Amino acid sequence: MTLTKEKITDGVYNQVGLSKGQSRRVVENLLEIIKQTLERGEDLLVSGFGKFVVKNKAARRGRNPQTKEDLRLKARRVVVFRTSGVLRRKINHKA
């Protein structure tokens, strides 16, 4: 099962008591703040959850697996998520 934006909105609606429209705006605004932070290349830390880290990947050699043709992959930035110790223990059912 995948957690969707709509399910998050429903969770805010049910647990916080905001209207559906207000809940949707809260979720949209939060996600927009997260996106803007990562676009600027800044890391995002959510205590007890984890850290989103923007990493620079250098250009490198690659290969098309279908044609076996060598190619050059461009340099790029990627987002990596590292779970917090608290969340890692909960995922692994450790107290």
PDB file of N, CA and C in Angstrom:
ATOM      1  N   MET A   1       0.843  -1.180   0.000  1.00  0.00           N
ATOM      2  CA  MET A   1       0.000   0.000   0.000  1.00  0.00           C
ATOM      3  C   MET A   1       0.892   1.249   0.000  1.00  0.00           C
ATOM      4  N   THR A   2       0.552   2.197  -0.813  1.00  0.00           N
ATOM      5  CA  THR A   2       1.322   3.428  -0.943  1.00  0.00           C
ATOM      6  C   THR A   2       0.586   4.569  -0.250  1.00  0.00           C
ATOM      7  N   LEU A   3       1.338   5.356   0.502  1.00  0.00           N
ATOM      8  CA  LEU A   3       0.771   6.540   1.137  1.00  0.00           C
ATOM      9  C   LEU A   3       0.743   7.658   0.094  1.00  0.00           C
ATOM     10  N   THR A   4      -0.442   8.169  -0.183  1.00  0.00           N
ATOM     11  CA  THR A   4      -0.598   9.221  -1.182  1.00  0.00           C
ATOM     12  C   THR A   4      -0.831  10.570  -0.510  1.00  0.00           C
ATOM     13  N   LYS A   5      -0.723  11.618  -1.304  1.00  0.00           N
ATOM     14  CA  LYS A   5      -0.981  12.962  -0.799  1.00  0.00           C
ATOM     15  C   LYS A   5      -2.421  13.065  -0.270  1.00  0.00           C
ATOM     16  N   GLU A   6      -3.333  12.399  -0.938  1.00  0.00           N
ATOM     17  CA  GLU A   6      -4.735  12.427  -0.512  1.00  0.00           C
ATOM     18  C   GLU A   6      -4.900  11.749   0.855  1.00  0.00           C
ATOM     19  N   LYS A   7      -4.188  10.654   1.074  1.00  0.00           N
ATOM     20  CA  LYS A   7      -4.261   9.967   2.371  1.00  0.00           C
ATOM     21  C   LYS A   7      -3.647  10.817   3.481  1.00  0.00           C
ATOM     22  N   ILE A   8      -2.588  11.545   3.167  1.00  0.00           N
ATOM     23  CA  ILE A   8      -1.988  12.448   4.147  1.00  0.00           C
ATOM     24  C   ILE A   8      -2.985  13.558   4.487  1.00  0.00           C
ATOM     25  N   THR A   9      -3.634  14.100   3.461  1.00  0.00           N
ATOM     26  CA  THR A   9      -4.641  15.139   3.663  1.00  0.00           C
ATOM     27  C   THR A   9      -5.769  14.621   4.547  1.00  0.00           C
ATOM     28  N   ASP A  10      -6.226  13.394   4.291  1.00  0.00           N
ATOM     29  CA  ASP A  10      -7.277  12.801   5.116  1.00  0.00           C
ATOM     30  C   ASP A  10      -6.815  12.641   6.561  1.00  0.00           C
ATOM     31  N   GLY A  11      -5.552  12.257   6.745  1.00  0.00           N
ATOM     32  CA  GLY A  11      -5.008  12.118   8.091  1.00  0.00           C
ATOM     33  C   GLY A  11      -5.002  13.438   8.836  1.00  0.00           C
ATOM     34  N   VAL A  12      -4.593  14.509   8.163  1.00  0.00           N
ATOM     35  CA  VAL A  12      -4.607  15.836   8.779  1.00  0.00           C
ATOM     36  C   VAL A  12      -6.043  16.223   9.103  1.00  0.00           C
ATOM     37  N   TYR A  13      -6.954  15.977   8.195  1.00  0.00           N
ATOM     38  CA  TYR A  13      -8.367  16.297   8.394  1.00  0.00           C
ATOM     39  C   TYR A  13      -8.927  15.568   9.619  1.00  0.00           C
ATOM     40  N   ASN A  14      -8.641  14.279   9.726  1.00  0.00           N
ATOM     41  CA  ASN A  14      -9.198  13.470  10.818  1.00  0.00           C
ATOM     42  C   ASN A  14      -8.523  13.718  12.160  1.00  0.00           C
ATOM     43  N   GLN A  15      -7.220  13.969  12.165  1.00  0.00           N
ATOM     44  CA  GLN A  15      -6.497  14.082  13.434  1.00  0.00           C
ATOM     45  C   GLN A  15      -6.376  15.505  13.956  1.00  0.00           C
ATOM     46  N   VAL A  16      -6.362  16.483  13.073  1.00  0.00           N
ATOM     47  CA  VAL A  16      -6.166  17.865  13.509  1.00  0.00           C
ATOM     48  C   VAL A  16      -7.500  18.611  13.610  1.00  0.00           C
ATOM     49  N   GLY A  17      -8.444  18.232  12.776  1.00  0.00           N
ATOM     50  CA  GLY A  17      -9.749  18.872  12.847  1.00  0.00           C
ATOM     51  C   GLY A  17      -9.925  20.056  11.920  1.00  0.00           C
ATOM     52  N   LEU A  18      -9.013  20.230  10.989  1.00  0.00           N
ATOM     53  CA  LEU A  18      -9.185  21.288   9.990  1.00  0.00           C
ATOM     54  C   LEU A  18     -10.185  20.815   8.943  1.00  0.00           C
ATOM     55  N   SER A  19     -10.711  21.755   8.161  1.00  0.00           N
ATOM     56  CA  SER A  19     -11.594  21.370   7.068  1.00  0.00           C
ATOM     57  C   SER A  19     -10.780  20.654   6.001  1.00  0.00           C
ATOM     58  N   LYS A  20     -11.475  19.984   5.083  1.00  0.00           N
ATOM     59  CA  LYS A  20     -10.772  19.279   3.989  1.00  0.00           C
ATOM     60  C   LYS A  20      -9.922  20.254   3.184  1.00  0.00           C
ATOM     61  N   GLY A  21     -10.472  21.411   2.869  1.00  0.00           N
ATOM     62  CA  GLY A  21      -9.743  22.405   2.082  1.00  0.00           C
ATOM     63  C   GLY A  21      -8.519  22.921   2.817  1.00  0.00           C
ATOM     64  N   GLN A  22      -8.680  23.212   4.114  1.00  0.00           N
ATOM     65  CA  GLN A  22      -7.551  23.681   4.906  1.00  0.00           C
ATOM     66  C   GLN A  22      -6.488  22.595   5.017  1.00  0.00           C
ATOM     67  N   SER A  23      -6.914  21.357   5.216  1.00  0.00           N
ATOM     68  CA  SER A  23      -5.975  20.240   5.318  1.00  0.00           C
ATOM     69  C   SER A  23      -5.185  20.085   4.029  1.00  0.00           C
ATOM     70  N   ARG A  24      -5.865  20.209   2.900  1.00  0.00           N
ATOM     71  CA  ARG A  24      -5.202  20.092   1.604  1.00  0.00           C
ATOM     72  C   ARG A  24      -4.165  21.195   1.432  1.00  0.00           C
ATOM     73  N   ARG A  25      -4.523  22.427   1.833  1.00  0.00           N
ATOM     74  CA  ARG A  25      -3.587  23.554   1.715  1.00  0.00           C
ATOM     75  C   ARG A  25      -2.374  23.363   2.619  1.00  0.00           C
ATOM     76  N   VAL A  26      -2.587  22.846   3.826  1.00  0.00           N
ATOM     77  CA  VAL A  26      -1.470  22.597   4.745  1.00  0.00           C
ATOM     78  C   VAL A  26      -0.499  21.599   4.126  1.00  0.00           C
ATOM     79  N   VAL A  27      -1.029  20.500   3.602  1.00  0.00           N
ATOM     80  CA  VAL A  27      -0.183  19.465   2.994  1.00  0.00           C
ATOM     81  C   VAL A  27       0.533  20.018   1.767  1.00  0.00           C
ATOM     82  N   GLU A  28      -0.172  20.728   0.906  1.00  0.00           N
ATOM     83  CA  GLU A  28       0.439  21.312  -0.297  1.00  0.00           C
ATOM     84  C   GLU A  28       1.542  22.295   0.079  1.00  0.00           C
ATOM     85  N   ASN A  29       1.282  23.152   1.067  1.00  0.00           N
ATOM     86  CA  ASN A  29       2.284  24.143   1.480  1.00  0.00           C
ATOM     87  C   ASN A  29       3.500  23.469   2.096  1.00  0.00           C
ATOM     88  N   LEU A  30       3.297  22.450   2.900  1.00  0.00           N
ATOM     89  CA  LEU A  30       4.416  21.725   3.490  1.00  0.00           C
ATOM     90  C   LEU A  30       5.280  21.094   2.402  1.00  0.00           C
ATOM     91  N   LEU A  31       4.646  20.431   1.448  1.00  0.00           N
ATOM     92  CA  LEU A  31       5.396  19.798   0.361  1.00  0.00           C
ATOM     93  C   LEU A  31       6.127  20.836  -0.488  1.00  0.00           C
ATOM     94  N   GLU A  32       5.536  21.989  -0.670  1.00  0.00           N
ATOM     95  CA  GLU A  32       6.186  23.057  -1.440  1.00  0.00           C
ATOM     96  C   GLU A  32       7.428  23.560  -0.707  1.00  0.00           C
ATOM     97  N   ILE A  33       7.344  23.717   0.615  1.00  0.00           N
ATOM     98  CA  ILE A  33       8.501  24.134   1.409  1.00  0.00           C
ATOM     99  C   ILE A  33       9.616  23.100   1.287  1.00  0.00           C
ATOM    100  N   ILE A  34       9.254  21.825   1.352  1.00  0.00           N
ATOM    101  CA  ILE A  34      10.232  20.743   1.226  1.00  0.00           C
ATOM    102  C   ILE A  34      10.898  20.797  -0.145  1.00  0.00           C
ATOM    103  N   LYS A  35      10.101  20.939  -1.203  1.00  0.00           N
ATOM    104  CA  LYS A  35      10.648  20.995  -2.563  1.00  0.00           C
ATOM    105  C   LYS A  35      11.586  22.178  -2.742  1.00  0.00           C
ATOM    106  N   GLN A  36      11.191  23.352  -2.267  1.00  0.00           N
ATOM    107  CA  GLN A  36      12.028  24.542  -2.417  1.00  0.00           C
ATOM    108  C   GLN A  36      13.343  24.393  -1.667  1.00  0.00           C
ATOM    109  N   THR A  37      13.297  23.791  -0.488  1.00  0.00           N
ATOM    110  CA  THR A  37      14.509  23.577   0.306  1.00  0.00           C
ATOM    111  C   THR A  37      15.478  22.672  -0.438  1.00  0.00           C
ATOM    112  N   LEU A  38      14.972  21.568  -0.979  1.00  0.00           N
ATOM    113  CA  LEU A  38      15.823  20.626  -1.700  1.00  0.00           C
ATOM    114  C   LEU A  38      16.327  21.218  -3.015  1.00  0.00           C
ATOM    115  N   GLU A  39      15.504  22.010  -3.699  1.00  0.00           N
ATOM    116  CA  GLU A  39      15.931  22.664  -4.943  1.00  0.00           C
ATOM    117  C   GLU A  39      17.111  23.593  -4.701  1.00  0.00           C
ATOM    118  N   ARG A  40      17.149  24.238  -3.530  1.00  0.00           N
ATOM    119  CA  ARG A  40      18.259  25.136  -3.191  1.00  0.00           C
ATOM    120  C   ARG A  40      19.511  24.349  -2.806  1.00  0.00           C
ATOM    121  N   GLY A  41      19.400  23.041  -2.731  1.00  0.00           N
ATOM    122  CA  GLY A  41      20.543  22.214  -2.390  1.00  0.00           C
ATOM    123  C   GLY A  41      20.753  22.056  -0.899  1.00  0.00           C
ATOM    124  N   GLU A  42      19.779  22.466  -0.103  1.00  0.00           N
ATOM    125  CA  GLU A  42      19.881  22.370   1.347  1.00  0.00           C
ATOM    126  C   GLU A  42      19.356  21.018   1.816  1.00  0.00           C
ATOM    127  N   ASP A  43      19.942  20.504   2.891  1.00  0.00           N
ATOM    128  CA  ASP A  43      19.451  19.271   3.491  1.00  0.00           C
ATOM    129  C   ASP A  43      18.209  19.573   4.322  1.00  0.00           C
ATOM    130  N   LEU A  44      17.386  18.557   4.519  1.00  0.00           N
ATOM    131  CA  LEU A  44      16.150  18.707   5.284  1.00  0.00           C
ATOM    132  C   LEU A  44      16.127  17.657   6.383  1.00  0.00           C
ATOM    133  N   LEU A  45      16.107  18.098   7.632  1.00  0.00           N
ATOM    134  CA  LEU A  45      16.105  17.200   8.779  1.00  0.00           C
ATOM    135  C   LEU A  45      14.749  17.242   9.456  1.00  0.00           C
ATOM    136  N   VAL A  46      14.130  16.072   9.622  1.00  0.00           N
ATOM    137  CA  VAL A  46      12.883  15.942  10.367  1.00  0.00           C
ATOM    138  C   VAL A  46      13.197  15.046  11.559  1.00  0.00           C
ATOM    139  N   SER A  47      13.303  15.643  12.734  1.00  0.00           N
ATOM    140  CA  SER A  47      13.700  14.906  13.928  1.00  0.00           C
ATOM    141  C   SER A  47      12.773  13.715  14.169  1.00  0.00           C
ATOM    142  N   GLY A  48      13.367  12.582  14.479  1.00  0.00           N
ATOM    143  CA  GLY A  48      12.598  11.373  14.738  1.00  0.00           C
ATOM    144  C   GLY A  48      12.143  10.658  13.479  1.00  0.00           C
ATOM    145  N   PHE A  49      12.401  11.244  12.324  1.00  0.00           N
ATOM    146  CA  PHE A  49      11.985  10.650  11.047  1.00  0.00           C
ATOM    147  C   PHE A  49      13.197  10.347  10.186  1.00  0.00           C
ATOM    148  N   GLY A  50      13.951  11.394   9.840  1.00  0.00           N
ATOM    149  CA  GLY A  50      15.134  11.184   9.019  1.00  0.00           C
ATOM    150  C   GLY A  50      15.609  12.464   8.377  1.00  0.00           C
ATOM    151  N   LYS A  51      16.573  12.315   7.491  1.00  0.00           N
ATOM    152  CA  LYS A  51      17.196  13.463   6.833  1.00  0.00           C
ATOM    153  C   LYS A  51      17.237  13.239   5.330  1.00  0.00           C
ATOM    154  N   PHE A  52      16.797  14.247   4.584  1.00  0.00           N
ATOM    155  CA  PHE A  52      16.902  14.250   3.131  1.00  0.00           C
ATOM    156  C   PHE A  52      18.172  15.020   2.796  1.00  0.00           C
ATOM    157  N   VAL A  53      19.090  14.386   2.082  1.00  0.00           N
ATOM    158  CA  VAL A  53      20.378  14.984   1.769  1.00  0.00           C
ATOM    159  C   VAL A  53      20.500  15.122   0.253  1.00  0.00           C
ATOM    160  N   VAL A  54      20.864  16.321  -0.211  1.00  0.00           N
ATOM    161  CA  VAL A  54      21.099  16.555  -1.632  1.00  0.00           C
ATOM    162  C   VAL A  54      22.562  16.251  -1.907  1.00  0.00           C
ATOM    163  N   LYS A  55      22.809  15.323  -2.840  1.00  0.00           N
ATOM    164  CA  LYS A  55      24.188  14.933  -3.166  1.00  0.00           C
ATOM    165  C   LYS A  55      24.457  15.245  -4.633  1.00  0.00           C
ATOM    166  N   ASN A  56      25.695  15.628  -4.899  1.00  0.00           N
ATOM    167  CA  ASN A  56      26.123  15.851  -6.274  1.00  0.00           C
ATOM    168  C   ASN A  56      26.772  14.573  -6.787  1.00  0.00           C
ATOM    169  N   LYS A  57      26.321  14.121  -7.936  1.00  0.00           N
ATOM    170  CA  LYS A  57      26.925  12.953  -8.564  1.00  0.00           C
ATOM    171  C   LYS A  57      27.716  13.425  -9.780  1.00  0.00           C
ATOM    172  N   ALA A  58      28.927  12.969  -9.862  1.00  0.00           N
ATOM    173  CA  ALA A  58      29.788  13.362 -10.974  1.00  0.00           C
ATOM    174  C   ALA A  58      29.354  12.655 -12.255  1.00  0.00           C
ATOM    175  N   ALA A  59      29.776  13.209 -13.386  1.00  0.00           N
ATOM    176  CA  ALA A  59      29.537  12.543 -14.671  1.00  0.00           C
ATOM    177  C   ALA A  59      30.292  11.218 -14.647  1.00  0.00           C
ATOM    178  N   ARG A  60      29.737  10.220 -15.319  1.00  0.00           N
ATOM    179  CA  ARG A  60      30.392   8.911 -15.300  1.00  0.00           C
ATOM    180  C   ARG A  60      30.052   8.132 -16.555  1.00  0.00           C
ATOM    181  N   ARG A  61      30.826   7.072 -16.757  1.00  0.00           N
ATOM    182  CA  ARG A  61      30.559   6.188 -17.898  1.00  0.00           C
ATOM    183  C   ARG A  61      29.388   5.290 -17.561  1.00  0.00           C
ATOM    184  N   GLY A  62      28.598   4.990 -18.568  1.00  0.00           N
ATOM    185  CA  GLY A  62      27.486   4.076 -18.397  1.00  0.00           C
ATOM    186  C   GLY A  62      27.371   3.193 -19.622  1.00  0.00           C
ATOM    187  N   ARG A  63      26.396   2.317 -19.593  1.00  0.00           N
ATOM    188  CA  ARG A  63      26.198   1.419 -20.718  1.00  0.00           C
ATOM    189  C   ARG A  63      24.710   1.146 -20.864  1.00  0.00           C
ATOM    190  N   ASN A  64      24.240   1.209 -22.102  1.00  0.00           N
ATOM    191  CA  ASN A  64      22.861   0.852 -22.404  1.00  0.00           C
ATOM    192  C   ASN A  64      22.764  -0.677 -22.319  1.00  0.00           C
ATOM    193  N   PRO A  65      21.959  -1.216 -21.390  1.00  0.00           N
ATOM    194  CA  PRO A  65      21.917  -2.667 -21.216  1.00  0.00           C
ATOM    195  C   PRO A  65      21.328  -3.420 -22.413  1.00  0.00           C
ATOM    196  N   GLN A  66      20.510  -2.742 -23.205  1.00  0.00           N
ATOM    197  CA  GLN A  66      19.912  -3.420 -24.361  1.00  0.00           C
ATOM    198  C   GLN A  66      20.874  -3.504 -25.536  1.00  0.00           C
ATOM    199  N   THR A  67      21.568  -2.379 -25.818  1.00  0.00           N
ATOM    200  CA  THR A  67      22.445  -2.335 -26.999  1.00  0.00           C
ATOM    201  C   THR A  67      23.918  -2.535 -26.640  1.00  0.00           C
ATOM    202  N   LYS A  68      24.246  -2.522 -25.358  1.00  0.00           N
ATOM    203  CA  LYS A  68      25.624  -2.633 -24.859  1.00  0.00           C
ATOM    204  C   LYS A  68      26.480  -1.436 -25.270  1.00  0.00           C
ATOM    205  N   GLU A  69      25.847  -0.382 -25.776  1.00  0.00           N
ATOM    206  CA  GLU A  69      26.552   0.819 -26.216  1.00  0.00           C
ATOM    207  C   GLU A  69      27.053   1.618 -25.009  1.00  0.00           C
ATOM    208  N   ASP A  70      28.322   2.036 -25.053  1.00  0.00           N
ATOM    209  CA  ASP A  70      28.874   2.891 -24.008  1.00  0.00           C
ATOM    210  C   ASP A  70      28.309   4.296 -24.169  1.00  0.00           C
ATOM    211  N   LEU A  71      28.071   4.955 -23.054  1.00  0.00           N
ATOM    212  CA  LEU A  71      27.594   6.330 -23.103  1.00  0.00           C
ATOM    213  C   LEU A  71      28.097   7.079 -21.882  1.00  0.00           C
ATOM    214  N   ARG A  72      27.927   8.378 -21.892  1.00  0.00           N
ATOM    215  CA  ARG A  72      28.385   9.232 -20.801  1.00  0.00           C
ATOM    216  C   ARG A  72      27.156   9.762 -20.074  1.00  0.00           C
ATOM    217  N   LEU A  73      27.060   9.475 -18.778  1.00  0.00           N
ATOM    218  CA  LEU A  73      25.960   9.990 -17.962  1.00  0.00           C
ATOM    219  C   LEU A  73      26.369  11.350 -17.409  1.00  0.00           C
ATOM    220  N   LYS A  74      25.487  12.327 -17.509  1.00  0.00           N
ATOM    221  CA  LYS A  74      25.785  13.690 -17.076  1.00  0.00           C
ATOM    222  C   LYS A  74      25.853  13.793 -15.555  1.00  0.00           C
ATOM    223  N   ALA A  75      26.562  14.814 -15.088  1.00  0.00           N
ATOM    224  CA  ALA A  75      26.580  15.121 -13.656  1.00  0.00           C
ATOM    225  C   ALA A  75      25.166  15.544 -13.258  1.00  0.00           C
ATOM    226  N   ARG A  76      24.803  15.217 -12.032  1.00  0.00           N
ATOM    227  CA  ARG A  76      23.449  15.550 -11.590  1.00  0.00           C
ATOM    228  C   ARG A  76      23.402  15.594 -10.075  1.00  0.00           C
ATOM    229  N   ARG A  77      22.286  16.109  -9.574  1.00  0.00           N
ATOM    230  CA  ARG A  77      22.053  16.109  -8.131  1.00  0.00           C
ATOM    231  C   ARG A  77      20.948  15.109  -7.836  1.00  0.00           C
ATOM    232  N   VAL A  78      21.102  14.392  -6.736  1.00  0.00           N
ATOM    233  CA  VAL A  78      20.098  13.417  -6.323  1.00  0.00           C
ATOM    234  C   VAL A  78      19.756  13.664  -4.857  1.00  0.00           C
ATOM    235  N   VAL A  79      18.589  13.207  -4.449  1.00  0.00           N
ATOM    236  CA  VAL A  79      18.171  13.308  -3.060  1.00  0.00           C
ATOM    237  C   VAL A  79      18.248  11.918  -2.447  1.00  0.00           C
ATOM    238  N   VAL A  80      18.928  11.832  -1.309  1.00  0.00           N
ATOM    239  CA  VAL A  80      19.081  10.580  -0.585  1.00  0.00           C
ATOM    240  C   VAL A  80      18.376  10.745   0.753  1.00  0.00           C
ATOM    241  N   PHE A  81      17.651   9.711   1.189  1.00  0.00           N
ATOM    242  CA  PHE A  81      16.976   9.751   2.489  1.00  0.00           C
ATOM    243  C   PHE A  81      17.674   8.819   3.443  1.00  0.00           C
ATOM    244  N   ARG A  82      17.982   9.337   4.622  1.00  0.00           N
ATOM    245  CA  ARG A  82      18.594   8.526   5.676  1.00  0.00           C
ATOM    246  C   ARG A  82      17.654   8.540   6.870  1.00  0.00           C
ATOM    247  N   THR A  83      17.216   7.359   7.299  1.00  0.00           N
ATOM    248  CA  THR A  83      16.284   7.291   8.421  1.00  0.00           C
ATOM    249  C   THR A  83      16.983   7.640   9.726  1.00  0.00           C
ATOM    250  N   SER A  84      16.210   8.163  10.650  1.00  0.00           N
ATOM    251  CA  SER A  84      16.752   8.425  11.986  1.00  0.00           C
ATOM    252  C   SER A  84      16.845   7.096  12.730  1.00  0.00           C
ATOM    253  N   GLY A  85      17.636   7.078  13.778  1.00  0.00           N
ATOM    254  CA  GLY A  85      17.749   5.868  14.594  1.00  0.00           C
ATOM    255  C   GLY A  85      16.419   5.471  15.203  1.00  0.00           C
ATOM    256  N   VAL A  86      15.631   6.466  15.601  1.00  0.00           N
ATOM    257  CA  VAL A  86      14.325   6.203  16.201  1.00  0.00           C
ATOM    258  C   VAL A  86      13.421   5.475  15.205  1.00  0.00           C
ATOM    259  N   LEU A  87      13.331   5.982  13.993  1.00  0.00           N
ATOM    260  CA  LEU A  87      12.487   5.358  12.979  1.00  0.00           C
ATOM    261  C   LEU A  87      13.023   3.990  12.579  1.00  0.00           C
ATOM    262  N   ARG A  88      14.336   3.877  12.465  1.00  0.00           N
ATOM    263  CA  ARG A  88      14.953   2.596  12.097  1.00  0.00           C
ATOM    264  C   ARG A  88      14.589   1.511  13.119  1.00  0.00           C
ATOM    265  N   ARG A  89      14.643   1.871  14.408  1.00  0.00           N
ATOM    266  CA  ARG A  89      14.281   0.895  15.451  1.00  0.00           C
ATOM    267  C   ARG A  89      12.806   0.528  15.364  1.00  0.00           C
ATOM    268  N   LYS A  90      11.931   1.500  15.100  1.00  0.00           N
ATOM    269  CA  LYS A  90      10.503   1.214  14.980  1.00  0.00           C
ATOM    270  C   LYS A  90      10.217   0.310  13.791  1.00  0.00           C
ATOM    271  N   ILE A  91      10.906   0.570  12.684  1.00  0.00           N
ATOM    272  CA  ILE A  91      10.718  -0.266  11.483  1.00  0.00           C
ATOM    273  C   ILE A  91      11.127  -1.699  11.778  1.00  0.00           C
ATOM    274  N   ASN A  92      12.186  -1.871  12.558  1.00  0.00           N
ATOM    275  CA  ASN A  92      12.694  -3.196  12.876  1.00  0.00           C
ATOM    276  C   ASN A  92      12.095  -3.758  14.158  1.00  0.00           C
ATOM    277  N   HIS A  93      11.058  -3.118  14.677  1.00  0.00           N
ATOM    278  CA  HIS A  93      10.309  -3.578  15.862  1.00  0.00           C
ATOM    279  C   HIS A  93      11.187  -3.742  17.097  1.00  0.00           C
ATOM    280  N   LYS A  94      12.106  -2.831  17.288  1.00  0.00           N
ATOM    281  CA  LYS A  94      12.949  -2.864  18.488  1.00  0.00           C
ATOM    282  C   LYS A  94      12.545  -1.708  19.387  1.00  0.00           C
ATOM    283  N   ALA A  95      12.489  -1.961  20.657  1.00  0.00           N
ATOM    284  CA  ALA A  95      12.061  -0.938  21.621  1.00  0.00           C
ATOM    285  C   ALA A  95      13.077   0.155  21.780  1.00  0.00           C
TER     286      ALA A  95
END
